[in-house]
């Protein structure tokens, strides 16, 4: 088991309920494959540059522990999910 940190930027084009549902979906996915240590909900923030003509995103940072194979699967699910603007998963020391 290794420690990881993932940052997720979700589109704010949909309503707040859809954004919360998307964030809850990823929390459940991480819990099913590992142990969540901390979830920091940064909320809506201005993006450094426009992504898909959007200037704001909803940020969530999650620290978790899982098997080494899981972060690749998590990134794959991030990429194929509508509403995810950007994501980054890194190993914590």
Protein backbone atom coordinates (compact mmCIF):
# COMPACT_ATOMS: atom_id res chain seq x y z
CA UNK A 1 0.00 0.00 0.00
CA UNK A 2 1.31 3.43 -0.97
CA UNK A 3 0.07 6.94 -0.21
CA UNK A 4 -1.25 9.11 -3.04
CA UNK A 5 -2.73 12.55 -3.49
CA UNK A 6 -5.12 13.37 -6.29
CA UNK A 7 -6.45 16.76 -7.36
CA UNK A 8 -9.63 16.91 -9.38
CA UNK A 9 -10.97 19.98 -11.20
CA UNK A 10 -14.64 19.60 -12.14
CA UNK A 11 -16.60 21.77 -14.55
CA UNK A 12 -18.97 24.28 -12.98
CA UNK A 13 -21.16 24.44 -16.10
CA UNK A 14 -23.66 22.04 -14.50
CA UNK A 15 -25.58 22.79 -11.31
CA UNK A 16 -24.17 22.25 -7.80
CA UNK A 17 -26.00 18.94 -7.37
CA UNK A 18 -24.35 17.45 -10.47
CA UNK A 19 -20.93 18.64 -9.29
CA UNK A 20 -21.48 17.14 -5.83
CA UNK A 21 -22.65 13.85 -7.38
CA UNK A 22 -19.52 13.66 -9.54
CA UNK A 23 -17.25 14.33 -6.55
CA UNK A 24 -19.15 11.71 -4.49
CA UNK A 25 -18.73 9.20 -7.33
CA UNK A 26 -14.95 9.54 -7.21
CA UNK A 27 -14.85 9.42 -3.41
CA UNK A 28 -16.78 6.14 -3.54
CA UNK A 29 -14.42 4.76 -6.20
CA UNK A 30 -11.38 5.58 -4.08
CA UNK A 31 -12.99 4.11 -0.93
CA UNK A 32 -13.78 0.90 -2.82
CA UNK A 33 -10.13 0.47 -3.82
CA UNK A 34 -8.27 1.97 -0.88
CA UNK A 35 -8.48 4.08 2.27
CA UNK A 36 -9.21 7.81 2.20
CA UNK A 37 -7.11 9.75 4.70
CA UNK A 38 -8.23 13.31 3.94
CA UNK A 39 -10.55 15.17 1.57
CA UNK A 40 -10.03 18.90 1.08
CA UNK A 41 -12.93 20.59 -0.66
CA UNK A 42 -11.44 23.80 -2.08
CA UNK A 43 -14.67 24.81 -3.79
CA UNK A 44 -15.11 27.00 -6.85
CA UNK A 45 -11.99 28.86 -7.98
CA UNK A 46 -10.86 30.79 -11.02
CA UNK A 47 -8.71 28.78 -13.45
CA UNK A 48 -5.25 30.05 -14.43
CA UNK A 49 -6.27 29.76 -18.09
CA UNK A 50 -9.54 28.86 -19.84
CA UNK A 51 -10.19 25.14 -20.35
CA UNK A 52 -12.92 24.31 -22.87
CA UNK A 53 -14.07 27.96 -22.71
CA UNK A 54 -14.58 27.71 -18.93
CA UNK A 55 -12.90 30.12 -16.53
CA UNK A 56 -13.93 28.51 -13.21
CA UNK A 57 -13.56 25.02 -11.79
CA UNK A 58 -14.51 23.14 -8.64
CA UNK A 59 -11.39 21.81 -6.89
CA UNK A 60 -11.15 18.72 -4.65
CA UNK A 61 -7.89 17.32 -3.21
CA UNK A 62 -7.97 13.78 -1.80
CA UNK A 63 -5.21 11.96 0.06
CA UNK A 64 -5.57 8.18 0.03
CA UNK A 65 -3.74 4.91 0.44
CA UNK A 66 -4.13 2.10 -2.11
CA UNK A 67 -2.41 -0.62 -4.10
CA UNK A 68 0.08 0.64 -6.71
CA UNK A 69 -2.17 -0.43 -9.62
CA UNK A 70 -5.17 1.71 -8.62
CA UNK A 71 -3.95 5.26 -9.51
CA UNK A 72 -3.63 4.29 -13.19
CA UNK A 73 -7.24 3.06 -13.16
CA UNK A 74 -8.36 6.22 -11.35
CA UNK A 75 -6.69 8.41 -13.99
CA UNK A 76 -8.35 6.36 -16.74
CA UNK A 77 -11.79 6.92 -15.17
CA UNK A 78 -11.04 10.65 -14.78
CA UNK A 79 -10.20 10.92 -18.50
CA UNK A 80 -13.39 9.22 -19.71
CA UNK A 81 -15.78 11.06 -17.38
CA UNK A 82 -17.65 14.08 -18.73
CA UNK A 83 -17.36 17.11 -16.48
CA UNK A 84 -13.75 16.52 -15.40
CA UNK A 85 -11.58 19.40 -16.64
CA UNK A 86 -8.21 18.33 -15.19
CA UNK A 87 -6.79 15.83 -12.73
CA UNK A 88 -3.41 14.94 -11.27
CA UNK A 89 -2.43 12.01 -9.07
CA UNK A 90 0.99 11.92 -7.37
CA UNK A 91 2.76 9.61 -4.91
CA UNK A 92 3.22 11.11 -1.44
CA UNK A 93 6.35 10.31 0.50
